[in-house]
N, C-alpha and C. Protein backbone atom coordinates (compact mmCIF):
# COMPACT_ATOMS: atom_id res chain seq x y z
N UNK A 1 -60.02 140.32 60.60
CA UNK A 1 -59.71 139.03 59.98
C UNK A 1 -60.78 138.01 60.38
N UNK A 2 -61.34 137.34 59.40
CA UNK A 2 -62.39 136.37 59.65
C UNK A 2 -61.80 134.97 59.85
N UNK A 3 -62.16 134.32 60.94
CA UNK A 3 -61.73 132.95 61.21
C UNK A 3 -62.66 131.97 60.53
N UNK A 4 -62.10 130.86 60.06
CA UNK A 4 -62.94 129.80 59.51
C UNK A 4 -63.66 129.08 60.64
N UNK A 5 -64.91 128.81 60.44
CA UNK A 5 -65.70 128.07 61.42
C UNK A 5 -65.61 126.58 61.09
N UNK A 6 -64.63 125.91 61.72
CA UNK A 6 -64.38 124.49 61.43
C UNK A 6 -64.49 123.69 62.72
N UNK A 7 -65.28 122.64 62.68
CA UNK A 7 -65.42 121.78 63.85
C UNK A 7 -64.10 121.06 64.13
N UNK A 8 -63.80 120.77 65.40
CA UNK A 8 -62.53 120.11 65.73
C UNK A 8 -62.27 118.84 64.93
N UNK A 9 -63.32 118.03 64.73
CA UNK A 9 -63.11 116.77 64.02
C UNK A 9 -62.90 116.97 62.51
N UNK A 10 -63.13 118.19 62.03
CA UNK A 10 -62.99 118.46 60.60
C UNK A 10 -61.74 119.26 60.26
N UNK A 11 -60.92 119.58 61.27
CA UNK A 11 -59.75 120.43 61.02
C UNK A 11 -58.76 119.76 60.07
N UNK A 12 -58.47 118.48 60.30
CA UNK A 12 -57.52 117.80 59.42
C UNK A 12 -58.07 117.72 57.99
N UNK A 13 -59.33 117.38 57.86
CA UNK A 13 -59.95 117.31 56.54
C UNK A 13 -59.85 118.65 55.82
N UNK A 14 -60.15 119.74 56.54
CA UNK A 14 -60.08 121.07 55.94
C UNK A 14 -58.64 121.41 55.58
N UNK A 15 -57.69 121.01 56.41
CA UNK A 15 -56.28 121.26 56.12
C UNK A 15 -55.88 120.62 54.79
N UNK A 16 -56.32 119.39 54.58
CA UNK A 16 -55.97 118.71 53.33
C UNK A 16 -56.68 119.34 52.14
N UNK A 17 -57.86 119.88 52.35
CA UNK A 17 -58.54 120.61 51.27
C UNK A 17 -57.74 121.85 50.88
N UNK A 18 -57.22 122.55 51.89
CA UNK A 18 -56.40 123.74 51.62
C UNK A 18 -55.13 123.36 50.87
N UNK A 19 -54.50 122.26 51.30
CA UNK A 19 -53.29 121.79 50.62
C UNK A 19 -53.59 121.50 49.15
N UNK A 20 -54.68 120.80 48.88
CA UNK A 20 -55.06 120.48 47.50
C UNK A 20 -55.30 121.75 46.70
N UNK A 21 -55.99 122.73 47.31
CA UNK A 21 -56.27 124.00 46.63
C UNK A 21 -54.98 124.73 46.30
N UNK A 22 -54.05 124.76 47.25
CA UNK A 22 -52.83 125.54 47.06
C UNK A 22 -51.81 124.85 46.15
N UNK A 23 -51.95 123.55 46.00
CA UNK A 23 -51.10 122.85 45.03
C UNK A 23 -51.48 123.23 43.61
N UNK A 24 -52.72 123.68 43.45
CA UNK A 24 -53.17 124.17 42.14
C UNK A 24 -53.09 123.11 41.06
N UNK A 25 -52.41 123.46 39.99
CA UNK A 25 -52.32 122.56 38.83
C UNK A 25 -51.18 121.55 38.94
N UNK A 26 -50.44 121.60 40.03
CA UNK A 26 -49.35 120.63 40.20
C UNK A 26 -49.95 119.24 40.43
N UNK A 27 -49.68 118.34 39.53
CA UNK A 27 -50.25 117.00 39.60
C UNK A 27 -49.28 116.05 40.30
N UNK A 28 -49.78 115.33 41.29
CA UNK A 28 -48.98 114.35 42.02
C UNK A 28 -49.36 112.95 41.57
N UNK A 29 -48.39 112.06 41.58
CA UNK A 29 -48.66 110.66 41.27
C UNK A 29 -49.69 110.13 42.27
N UNK A 30 -50.82 109.58 41.81
CA UNK A 30 -51.86 109.11 42.73
C UNK A 30 -51.34 108.11 43.77
N UNK A 31 -50.36 107.31 43.39
CA UNK A 31 -49.78 106.32 44.29
C UNK A 31 -49.05 106.97 45.47
N UNK A 32 -48.53 108.17 45.23
CA UNK A 32 -47.70 108.85 46.22
C UNK A 32 -48.37 110.09 46.83
N UNK A 33 -49.49 110.46 46.28
CA UNK A 33 -50.13 111.72 46.63
C UNK A 33 -50.41 111.87 48.13
N UNK A 34 -50.99 110.84 48.74
CA UNK A 34 -51.36 110.95 50.15
C UNK A 34 -50.13 111.05 51.05
N UNK A 35 -49.03 110.43 50.63
CA UNK A 35 -47.78 110.50 51.41
C UNK A 35 -47.20 111.91 51.33
N UNK A 36 -47.14 112.46 50.12
CA UNK A 36 -46.60 113.80 49.94
C UNK A 36 -47.46 114.84 50.66
N UNK A 37 -48.76 114.71 50.54
CA UNK A 37 -49.66 115.66 51.20
C UNK A 37 -49.56 115.59 52.72
N UNK A 38 -49.34 114.40 53.26
CA UNK A 38 -49.21 114.29 54.71
C UNK A 38 -47.89 114.92 55.17
N UNK A 39 -46.85 114.84 54.37
CA UNK A 39 -45.60 115.54 54.71
C UNK A 39 -45.82 117.05 54.70
N UNK A 40 -46.53 117.54 53.69
CA UNK A 40 -46.85 118.97 53.61
C UNK A 40 -47.67 119.37 54.83
N UNK A 41 -48.66 118.57 55.17
CA UNK A 41 -49.54 118.86 56.31
C UNK A 41 -48.75 118.90 57.62
N UNK A 42 -47.85 117.97 57.78
CA UNK A 42 -47.08 117.87 59.02
C UNK A 42 -46.14 119.05 59.21
N UNK A 43 -45.50 119.48 58.11
CA UNK A 43 -44.49 120.55 58.20
C UNK A 43 -44.99 121.91 57.74
N UNK A 44 -46.23 121.96 57.20
CA UNK A 44 -46.75 123.20 56.60
C UNK A 44 -45.75 123.75 55.58
N UNK A 45 -45.22 122.85 54.76
CA UNK A 45 -44.15 123.22 53.83
C UNK A 45 -44.42 122.56 52.48
N UNK A 46 -44.72 123.38 51.48
CA UNK A 46 -45.05 122.86 50.16
C UNK A 46 -43.83 122.40 49.37
N UNK A 47 -42.64 122.63 49.89
CA UNK A 47 -41.44 122.12 49.21
C UNK A 47 -41.49 120.60 49.04
N UNK A 48 -42.18 119.92 49.95
CA UNK A 48 -42.24 118.45 49.86
C UNK A 48 -42.94 117.97 48.60
N UNK A 49 -43.72 118.81 47.99
CA UNK A 49 -44.37 118.44 46.73
C UNK A 49 -43.35 118.26 45.62
N UNK A 50 -42.16 118.85 45.82
CA UNK A 50 -41.13 118.82 44.78
C UNK A 50 -39.86 118.07 45.20
N UNK A 51 -39.71 117.81 46.47
CA UNK A 51 -38.45 117.21 46.93
C UNK A 51 -38.55 115.72 47.28
N UNK A 52 -39.74 115.18 47.31
CA UNK A 52 -39.88 113.76 47.67
C UNK A 52 -39.45 112.87 46.52
N UNK A 53 -38.67 111.86 46.85
CA UNK A 53 -38.20 110.89 45.86
C UNK A 53 -38.58 109.48 46.31
N UNK A 54 -39.02 108.67 45.36
CA UNK A 54 -39.49 107.31 45.64
C UNK A 54 -38.79 106.33 44.70
N UNK A 55 -38.26 105.25 45.23
CA UNK A 55 -37.72 104.20 44.35
C UNK A 55 -38.87 103.50 43.64
N UNK A 56 -38.56 102.77 42.59
CA UNK A 56 -39.59 102.14 41.77
C UNK A 56 -40.46 101.19 42.59
N UNK A 57 -41.77 101.35 42.45
CA UNK A 57 -42.77 100.45 43.07
C UNK A 57 -42.70 100.39 44.59
N UNK A 58 -42.03 101.37 45.22
CA UNK A 58 -41.80 101.27 46.66
C UNK A 58 -43.09 101.31 47.47
N UNK A 59 -44.05 102.10 47.04
CA UNK A 59 -45.28 102.21 47.82
C UNK A 59 -46.05 100.89 47.78
N UNK A 60 -46.28 100.35 46.59
CA UNK A 60 -47.02 99.10 46.46
C UNK A 60 -46.30 97.95 47.16
N UNK A 61 -44.99 97.90 47.01
CA UNK A 61 -44.23 96.81 47.62
C UNK A 61 -44.26 96.89 49.14
N UNK A 62 -44.15 98.11 49.68
CA UNK A 62 -44.19 98.28 51.14
C UNK A 62 -45.56 97.94 51.69
N UNK A 63 -46.60 98.37 51.00
CA UNK A 63 -47.96 98.07 51.46
C UNK A 63 -48.23 96.57 51.46
N UNK A 64 -47.67 95.86 50.49
CA UNK A 64 -47.85 94.41 50.43
C UNK A 64 -47.23 93.74 51.65
N UNK A 65 -46.09 94.24 52.09
CA UNK A 65 -45.43 93.70 53.29
C UNK A 65 -46.23 94.06 54.53
N UNK A 66 -46.62 95.32 54.64
CA UNK A 66 -47.39 95.76 55.81
C UNK A 66 -48.71 95.00 55.94
N UNK A 67 -49.31 94.71 54.82
CA UNK A 67 -50.61 94.02 54.83
C UNK A 67 -50.50 92.65 55.50
N UNK A 68 -49.33 92.04 55.40
CA UNK A 68 -49.12 90.71 55.99
C UNK A 68 -48.75 90.79 57.47
N UNK A 69 -48.52 91.99 58.00
CA UNK A 69 -48.21 92.17 59.42
C UNK A 69 -46.83 91.67 59.79
N UNK A 70 -46.53 91.74 61.09
CA UNK A 70 -45.26 91.24 61.60
C UNK A 70 -44.06 92.09 61.27
N UNK A 71 -44.27 93.31 60.81
CA UNK A 71 -43.15 94.19 60.47
C UNK A 71 -42.76 95.06 61.66
N UNK A 72 -41.51 95.52 61.63
CA UNK A 72 -41.01 96.41 62.68
C UNK A 72 -40.48 97.69 62.03
N UNK A 73 -40.94 98.83 62.54
CA UNK A 73 -40.42 100.12 62.12
C UNK A 73 -39.36 100.55 63.13
N UNK A 74 -38.15 100.80 62.66
CA UNK A 74 -37.06 101.24 63.53
C UNK A 74 -36.83 102.72 63.27
N UNK A 75 -36.98 103.54 64.31
CA UNK A 75 -36.75 104.97 64.18
C UNK A 75 -35.44 105.37 64.87
N UNK A 76 -34.97 106.56 64.52
CA UNK A 76 -33.73 107.05 65.14
C UNK A 76 -34.00 108.06 66.25
N UNK A 77 -35.27 108.31 66.55
CA UNK A 77 -35.61 109.20 67.68
C UNK A 77 -36.88 108.69 68.35
N UNK A 78 -36.97 108.97 69.65
CA UNK A 78 -38.20 108.65 70.38
C UNK A 78 -39.37 109.47 69.84
N UNK A 79 -39.08 110.68 69.37
CA UNK A 79 -40.13 111.53 68.83
C UNK A 79 -40.80 110.87 67.63
N UNK A 80 -40.01 110.31 66.74
CA UNK A 80 -40.58 109.64 65.57
C UNK A 80 -41.36 108.41 66.00
N UNK A 81 -40.81 107.64 66.92
CA UNK A 81 -41.50 106.45 67.41
C UNK A 81 -42.86 106.84 68.02
N UNK A 82 -42.86 107.90 68.83
CA UNK A 82 -44.09 108.35 69.47
C UNK A 82 -45.10 108.85 68.44
N UNK A 83 -44.62 109.45 67.37
CA UNK A 83 -45.51 110.02 66.36
C UNK A 83 -46.16 109.00 65.45
N UNK A 84 -45.69 107.77 65.48
CA UNK A 84 -46.29 106.72 64.64
C UNK A 84 -47.59 106.25 65.28
N UNK A 85 -48.66 106.24 64.51
CA UNK A 85 -49.99 105.96 65.03
C UNK A 85 -50.09 104.53 65.56
N UNK A 86 -50.31 104.42 66.86
CA UNK A 86 -50.33 103.10 67.51
C UNK A 86 -51.56 102.28 67.15
N UNK A 87 -52.69 102.96 66.91
CA UNK A 87 -53.91 102.24 66.53
C UNK A 87 -53.74 101.59 65.15
N UNK A 88 -53.12 102.33 64.22
CA UNK A 88 -52.87 101.78 62.89
C UNK A 88 -51.87 100.63 62.96
N UNK A 89 -50.83 100.80 63.78
CA UNK A 89 -49.85 99.72 63.98
C UNK A 89 -50.54 98.45 64.49
N UNK A 90 -51.42 98.61 65.47
CA UNK A 90 -52.10 97.46 66.07
C UNK A 90 -52.99 96.76 65.04
N UNK A 91 -53.68 97.55 64.22
CA UNK A 91 -54.56 96.96 63.20
C UNK A 91 -53.78 96.12 62.21
N UNK A 92 -52.55 96.54 61.94
CA UNK A 92 -51.72 95.86 60.95
C UNK A 92 -50.75 94.86 61.58
N UNK A 93 -50.83 94.70 62.90
CA UNK A 93 -49.94 93.79 63.62
C UNK A 93 -48.47 94.16 63.38
N UNK A 94 -48.20 95.47 63.49
CA UNK A 94 -46.84 95.96 63.35
C UNK A 94 -46.29 96.46 64.68
N UNK A 95 -45.03 96.87 64.65
CA UNK A 95 -44.37 97.34 65.86
C UNK A 95 -43.44 98.49 65.49
N UNK A 96 -43.27 99.44 66.42
CA UNK A 96 -42.34 100.55 66.21
C UNK A 96 -41.38 100.62 67.39
N UNK A 97 -40.09 100.68 67.10
CA UNK A 97 -39.09 100.69 68.17
C UNK A 97 -38.06 101.78 67.92
N UNK A 98 -37.42 102.20 69.01
CA UNK A 98 -36.27 103.11 68.94
C UNK A 98 -35.25 102.60 69.94
N UNK A 99 -34.04 102.37 69.46
CA UNK A 99 -32.99 101.79 70.31
C UNK A 99 -32.05 102.83 70.89
N UNK A 100 -32.31 104.10 70.67
CA UNK A 100 -31.35 105.15 71.03
C UNK A 100 -30.99 105.18 72.52
N UNK A 101 -31.92 104.78 73.37
CA UNK A 101 -31.66 104.84 74.82
C UNK A 101 -31.20 103.50 75.39
N UNK A 102 -31.04 102.50 74.54
CA UNK A 102 -30.66 101.17 75.02
C UNK A 102 -29.20 101.17 75.50
N UNK A 103 -28.91 100.62 76.67
CA UNK A 103 -27.53 100.60 77.18
C UNK A 103 -26.56 99.90 76.25
N UNK A 104 -26.99 98.81 75.60
CA UNK A 104 -26.07 98.10 74.71
C UNK A 104 -25.72 98.93 73.48
N UNK A 105 -26.65 99.76 73.05
CA UNK A 105 -26.38 100.65 71.91
C UNK A 105 -25.38 101.72 72.31
N UNK A 106 -25.56 102.30 73.49
CA UNK A 106 -24.62 103.31 73.98
C UNK A 106 -23.22 102.72 74.12
N UNK A 107 -23.14 101.48 74.65
CA UNK A 107 -21.84 100.82 74.82
C UNK A 107 -21.18 100.53 73.48
N UNK A 108 -21.98 100.08 72.53
CA UNK A 108 -21.45 99.76 71.20
C UNK A 108 -20.94 101.02 70.51
N UNK A 109 -21.67 102.12 70.64
CA UNK A 109 -21.25 103.38 70.02
C UNK A 109 -19.95 103.88 70.64
N UNK A 110 -19.85 103.78 71.96
CA UNK A 110 -18.64 104.23 72.65
C UNK A 110 -17.43 103.41 72.23
N UNK A 111 -17.62 102.11 72.14
CA UNK A 111 -16.53 101.21 71.76
C UNK A 111 -16.06 101.47 70.33
N UNK A 112 -17.03 101.72 69.45
CA UNK A 112 -16.70 101.91 68.03
C UNK A 112 -16.34 103.35 67.70
N UNK A 113 -16.58 104.27 68.64
CA UNK A 113 -16.33 105.67 68.36
C UNK A 113 -17.31 106.23 67.34
N UNK A 114 -18.52 105.67 67.35
CA UNK A 114 -19.56 106.09 66.40
C UNK A 114 -20.70 106.78 67.14
N UNK A 115 -21.69 107.20 66.40
CA UNK A 115 -22.89 107.76 67.03
C UNK A 115 -23.81 106.62 67.47
N UNK A 116 -24.68 106.93 68.42
CA UNK A 116 -25.68 105.93 68.84
C UNK A 116 -26.63 105.60 67.69
N UNK A 117 -26.89 106.58 66.84
CA UNK A 117 -27.78 106.34 65.70
C UNK A 117 -27.19 105.28 64.77
N UNK A 118 -25.89 105.35 64.56
CA UNK A 118 -25.23 104.33 63.74
C UNK A 118 -25.29 102.97 64.41
N UNK A 119 -25.06 102.94 65.73
CA UNK A 119 -25.14 101.68 66.47
C UNK A 119 -26.56 101.11 66.46
N UNK A 120 -27.54 101.98 66.40
CA UNK A 120 -28.93 101.51 66.31
C UNK A 120 -29.16 100.69 65.05
N UNK A 121 -28.51 101.08 63.95
CA UNK A 121 -28.67 100.35 62.71
C UNK A 121 -28.08 98.95 62.82
N UNK A 122 -27.00 98.83 63.59
CA UNK A 122 -26.41 97.52 63.82
C UNK A 122 -27.37 96.63 64.61
N UNK A 123 -28.06 97.22 65.58
CA UNK A 123 -29.04 96.45 66.35
C UNK A 123 -30.24 96.10 65.48
N UNK A 124 -30.62 97.02 64.60
CA UNK A 124 -31.74 96.76 63.69
C UNK A 124 -31.46 95.55 62.80
N UNK A 125 -30.18 95.36 62.48
CA UNK A 125 -29.78 94.24 61.62
C UNK A 125 -29.99 92.89 62.29
N UNK A 126 -30.22 92.87 63.60
CA UNK A 126 -30.43 91.61 64.31
C UNK A 126 -31.91 91.23 64.42
N UNK A 127 -32.79 92.11 63.98
CA UNK A 127 -34.22 91.87 64.12
C UNK A 127 -34.70 90.79 63.15
N UNK A 128 -35.71 90.07 63.59
CA UNK A 128 -36.35 89.06 62.74
C UNK A 128 -37.57 89.69 62.05
N UNK A 129 -37.89 89.20 60.89
CA UNK A 129 -39.07 89.69 60.17
C UNK A 129 -38.76 90.94 59.36
N UNK A 130 -39.77 91.44 58.64
CA UNK A 130 -39.58 92.63 57.79
C UNK A 130 -39.25 93.87 58.62
N UNK A 131 -38.29 94.64 58.15
CA UNK A 131 -37.85 95.84 58.87
C UNK A 131 -37.96 97.07 57.97
N UNK A 132 -38.58 98.10 58.52
CA UNK A 132 -38.66 99.41 57.88
C UNK A 132 -37.81 100.37 58.72
N UNK A 133 -36.90 101.08 58.07
CA UNK A 133 -36.04 102.04 58.78
C UNK A 133 -36.56 103.45 58.50
N UNK A 134 -36.86 104.19 59.56
CA UNK A 134 -37.38 105.55 59.42
C UNK A 134 -36.44 106.54 60.11
N UNK A 135 -35.67 107.27 59.32
CA UNK A 135 -34.65 108.18 59.84
C UNK A 135 -35.07 109.63 59.60
N UNK A 136 -35.27 110.37 60.70
CA UNK A 136 -35.66 111.76 60.58
C UNK A 136 -34.68 112.73 61.19
N UNK A 137 -33.58 112.21 61.74
CA UNK A 137 -32.66 113.08 62.47
C UNK A 137 -31.18 112.87 62.14
N UNK A 138 -30.77 111.61 62.06
CA UNK A 138 -29.33 111.33 62.05
C UNK A 138 -28.82 110.81 60.70
N UNK A 139 -28.09 111.63 59.96
CA UNK A 139 -27.50 111.14 58.71
C UNK A 139 -26.53 109.99 58.93
N UNK A 140 -25.88 109.94 60.11
CA UNK A 140 -24.95 108.84 60.38
C UNK A 140 -25.65 107.49 60.36
N UNK A 141 -26.95 107.48 60.69
CA UNK A 141 -27.71 106.23 60.63
C UNK A 141 -27.82 105.75 59.19
N UNK A 142 -28.07 106.66 58.27
CA UNK A 142 -28.18 106.28 56.86
C UNK A 142 -26.84 105.80 56.30
N UNK A 143 -25.78 106.46 56.69
CA UNK A 143 -24.44 106.06 56.21
C UNK A 143 -24.10 104.66 56.71
N UNK A 144 -24.33 104.39 57.99
CA UNK A 144 -24.05 103.06 58.55
C UNK A 144 -24.98 102.02 57.95
N UNK A 145 -26.22 102.40 57.72
CA UNK A 145 -27.17 101.47 57.11
C UNK A 145 -26.70 101.04 55.72
N UNK A 146 -26.19 101.99 54.95
CA UNK A 146 -25.66 101.67 53.62
C UNK A 146 -24.52 100.66 53.72
N UNK A 147 -23.66 100.84 54.72
CA UNK A 147 -22.55 99.90 54.91
C UNK A 147 -23.07 98.51 55.26
N UNK A 148 -24.07 98.44 56.13
CA UNK A 148 -24.63 97.14 56.53
C UNK A 148 -25.33 96.45 55.37
N UNK A 149 -25.97 97.24 54.53
CA UNK A 149 -26.60 96.66 53.33
C UNK A 149 -25.54 96.06 52.43
N UNK A 150 -24.46 96.79 52.21
CA UNK A 150 -23.38 96.30 51.35
C UNK A 150 -22.71 95.06 51.95
N UNK A 151 -22.69 94.96 53.27
CA UNK A 151 -22.11 93.80 53.94
C UNK A 151 -23.08 92.61 53.99
N UNK A 152 -24.29 92.82 53.50
CA UNK A 152 -25.29 91.74 53.49
C UNK A 152 -25.88 91.44 54.86
N UNK A 153 -25.79 92.38 55.79
CA UNK A 153 -26.26 92.15 57.15
C UNK A 153 -27.70 92.60 57.39
N UNK A 154 -28.23 93.39 56.47
CA UNK A 154 -29.62 93.84 56.61
C UNK A 154 -30.20 94.09 55.21
N UNK A 155 -31.48 93.80 55.08
CA UNK A 155 -32.18 94.03 53.82
C UNK A 155 -33.53 94.65 54.14
N UNK A 156 -33.56 95.96 54.38
CA UNK A 156 -34.80 96.61 54.79
C UNK A 156 -35.86 96.59 53.69
N UNK A 157 -37.09 96.47 54.12
CA UNK A 157 -38.22 96.56 53.20
C UNK A 157 -38.31 97.96 52.61
N UNK A 158 -38.00 98.94 53.46
CA UNK A 158 -38.08 100.35 53.07
C UNK A 158 -37.14 101.15 53.95
N UNK A 159 -36.50 102.14 53.35
CA UNK A 159 -35.74 103.13 54.13
C UNK A 159 -36.38 104.50 53.89
N UNK A 160 -36.87 105.09 54.97
CA UNK A 160 -37.39 106.45 54.93
C UNK A 160 -36.23 107.36 55.34
N UNK A 161 -35.71 108.13 54.41
CA UNK A 161 -34.54 108.96 54.66
C UNK A 161 -34.89 110.43 54.63
N UNK A 162 -35.23 110.97 55.80
CA UNK A 162 -35.60 112.38 55.87
C UNK A 162 -34.90 113.11 57.03
N UNK A 163 -33.60 112.84 57.25
CA UNK A 163 -32.92 113.59 58.31
C UNK A 163 -32.89 115.08 57.96
N UNK A 164 -32.91 115.90 58.99
CA UNK A 164 -32.93 117.35 58.80
C UNK A 164 -31.61 117.93 59.32
N UNK A 165 -31.11 118.98 58.67
CA UNK A 165 -29.90 119.62 59.18
C UNK A 165 -28.93 120.02 58.09
N UNK A 166 -27.66 120.14 58.48
CA UNK A 166 -26.66 120.72 57.59
C UNK A 166 -25.45 119.82 57.34
N UNK A 167 -25.03 119.04 58.36
CA UNK A 167 -23.81 118.26 58.22
C UNK A 167 -24.11 116.88 57.67
N UNK A 168 -23.67 116.62 56.45
CA UNK A 168 -23.81 115.32 55.79
C UNK A 168 -25.25 114.87 55.56
N UNK A 169 -26.20 115.79 55.71
CA UNK A 169 -27.61 115.44 55.50
C UNK A 169 -27.89 115.16 54.03
N UNK A 170 -27.53 116.09 53.17
CA UNK A 170 -27.78 115.90 51.73
C UNK A 170 -27.03 114.68 51.21
N UNK A 171 -25.77 114.54 51.64
CA UNK A 171 -24.95 113.42 51.16
C UNK A 171 -25.51 112.08 51.60
N UNK A 172 -25.98 111.99 52.84
CA UNK A 172 -26.49 110.71 53.33
C UNK A 172 -27.73 110.27 52.57
N UNK A 173 -28.56 111.23 52.17
CA UNK A 173 -29.75 110.90 51.38
C UNK A 173 -29.36 110.39 50.00
N UNK A 174 -28.34 111.02 49.42
CA UNK A 174 -27.86 110.57 48.11
C UNK A 174 -27.27 109.16 48.21
N UNK A 175 -26.58 108.88 49.30
CA UNK A 175 -26.00 107.55 49.51
C UNK A 175 -27.10 106.49 49.54
N UNK A 176 -28.18 106.76 50.27
CA UNK A 176 -29.26 105.79 50.37
C UNK A 176 -29.96 105.60 49.03
N UNK A 177 -30.14 106.67 48.29
CA UNK A 177 -30.80 106.54 46.98
C UNK A 177 -29.95 105.75 45.99
N UNK A 178 -28.64 105.68 46.24
CA UNK A 178 -27.74 104.93 45.36
C UNK A 178 -27.44 103.53 45.89
N UNK A 179 -28.00 103.19 47.05
CA UNK A 179 -27.62 101.94 47.72
C UNK A 179 -28.33 100.70 47.20
N UNK A 180 -29.40 100.91 46.44
CA UNK A 180 -30.16 99.77 45.92
C UNK A 180 -31.31 99.32 46.80
N UNK A 181 -31.49 99.97 47.96
CA UNK A 181 -32.61 99.61 48.84
C UNK A 181 -33.85 100.39 48.42
N UNK A 182 -35.05 99.87 48.71
CA UNK A 182 -36.26 100.64 48.47
C UNK A 182 -36.26 101.87 49.38
N UNK A 183 -36.61 103.03 48.84
CA UNK A 183 -36.50 104.25 49.66
C UNK A 183 -37.63 105.23 49.38
N UNK A 184 -37.90 106.04 50.41
CA UNK A 184 -38.65 107.28 50.27
C UNK A 184 -37.78 108.34 50.93
N UNK A 185 -37.36 109.34 50.15
CA UNK A 185 -36.39 110.32 50.60
C UNK A 185 -36.88 111.73 50.28
N UNK A 186 -36.63 112.65 51.19
CA UNK A 186 -36.84 114.08 50.92
C UNK A 186 -35.47 114.69 50.65
N UNK A 187 -35.17 114.95 49.39
CA UNK A 187 -33.84 115.46 49.05
C UNK A 187 -33.68 116.87 49.61
N UNK A 188 -32.42 117.24 49.85
CA UNK A 188 -32.14 118.54 50.43
C UNK A 188 -31.98 118.46 51.94
N UNK A 189 -32.04 119.60 52.59
CA UNK A 189 -31.76 119.69 54.02
C UNK A 189 -32.98 119.46 54.90
N UNK A 190 -34.16 119.54 54.31
CA UNK A 190 -35.38 119.49 55.13
C UNK A 190 -35.78 118.06 55.46
N UNK A 191 -36.52 117.93 56.56
CA UNK A 191 -37.01 116.64 57.03
C UNK A 191 -37.34 116.74 58.50
N UNK A 192 -37.07 115.69 59.23
CA UNK A 192 -37.31 115.70 60.66
C UNK A 192 -38.05 114.48 61.14
N UNK A 193 -38.04 114.26 62.45
CA UNK A 193 -38.70 113.11 63.04
C UNK A 193 -40.20 113.11 62.77
N UNK A 194 -40.79 114.31 62.77
CA UNK A 194 -42.23 114.39 62.51
C UNK A 194 -42.56 113.99 61.08
N UNK A 195 -41.68 114.31 60.15
CA UNK A 195 -41.90 113.93 58.75
C UNK A 195 -41.70 112.42 58.57
N UNK A 196 -40.71 111.85 59.24
CA UNK A 196 -40.49 110.40 59.18
C UNK A 196 -41.73 109.66 59.69
N UNK A 197 -42.28 110.12 60.81
CA UNK A 197 -43.48 109.50 61.36
C UNK A 197 -44.67 109.69 60.43
N UNK A 198 -44.76 110.87 59.81
CA UNK A 198 -45.87 111.14 58.89
C UNK A 198 -45.87 110.19 57.70
N UNK A 199 -44.69 109.88 57.19
CA UNK A 199 -44.60 108.95 56.06
C UNK A 199 -45.04 107.55 56.48
N UNK A 200 -44.59 107.12 57.66
CA UNK A 200 -45.04 105.82 58.19
C UNK A 200 -46.56 105.79 58.31
N UNK A 201 -47.12 106.86 58.88
CA UNK A 201 -48.56 106.91 59.08
C UNK A 201 -49.31 106.92 57.75
N UNK A 202 -48.82 107.69 56.79
CA UNK A 202 -49.49 107.77 55.50
C UNK A 202 -49.56 106.39 54.84
N UNK A 203 -48.48 105.63 54.94
CA UNK A 203 -48.48 104.27 54.38
C UNK A 203 -49.51 103.40 55.08
N UNK A 204 -49.51 103.44 56.41
CA UNK A 204 -50.44 102.60 57.17
C UNK A 204 -51.89 103.02 56.94
N UNK A 205 -52.14 104.33 56.84
CA UNK A 205 -53.50 104.80 56.63
C UNK A 205 -54.06 104.31 55.30
N UNK A 206 -53.19 104.13 54.32
CA UNK A 206 -53.66 103.59 53.04
C UNK A 206 -54.32 102.22 53.25
N UNK A 207 -53.72 101.42 54.11
CA UNK A 207 -54.24 100.08 54.36
C UNK A 207 -55.41 100.09 55.34
N UNK A 208 -55.28 100.85 56.42
CA UNK A 208 -56.35 100.83 57.43
C UNK A 208 -57.61 101.48 56.90
N UNK A 209 -57.48 102.47 56.03
CA UNK A 209 -58.68 103.08 55.44
C UNK A 209 -59.36 102.11 54.49
N UNK A 210 -58.56 101.31 53.78
CA UNK A 210 -59.13 100.28 52.90
C UNK A 210 -59.89 99.25 53.72
N UNK A 211 -59.32 98.86 54.87
CA UNK A 211 -59.98 97.89 55.74
C UNK A 211 -61.30 98.44 56.25
N UNK A 212 -61.31 99.73 56.61
CA UNK A 212 -62.53 100.37 57.12
C UNK A 212 -63.59 100.45 56.02
N UNK A 213 -63.14 100.81 54.80
CA UNK A 213 -64.08 100.95 53.69
C UNK A 213 -64.70 99.63 53.28
N UNK A 214 -63.99 98.52 53.52
CA UNK A 214 -64.52 97.21 53.13
C UNK A 214 -65.57 96.69 54.11
N UNK A 215 -65.60 97.26 55.32
CA UNK A 215 -66.54 96.80 56.34
C UNK A 215 -67.95 97.31 56.08
């Protein structure tokens, strides 16, 4: 078996070339292409070319908010928070947080008999400035988020709904797509914290690459 001779700094570039080659004649919306391809790259799973769903104008609208800075990305796992590119966040004057380990969140979840992920959404509703919700693990977070939206307590700029698993995962994604909020969702059971972070990064890279190209 012959190995490809690829320099370390060119591995990602070559990976995306392979993804483009293997997609073949499947045409992706140019506005969404880099996001879908980064999900494929992250999970090595071409199903994302067919399962990603986007609300109307969500990419352009989210980029317009990110461009102005001061936004906060709220994740439901430390893994997703860690996977969000800190250099890109800094360039855009953004922030990424995860409340899962916060004592007040644990106390609120215990009192309400809910999951900590659901309680995290309640804490997210108290944040100032534009909020992006990135869920890669907990469907209960999406269900509670829908309730908070209906109660008028939160109005997220974007909801990334890609929890992975079997219990209420498919249903929670359908709930968010019907909630009226801007969304990027991977329908079905697949997803994960790494995919949630990848979507955040793909959006930010669109802006940071534009900034680099203008210099």
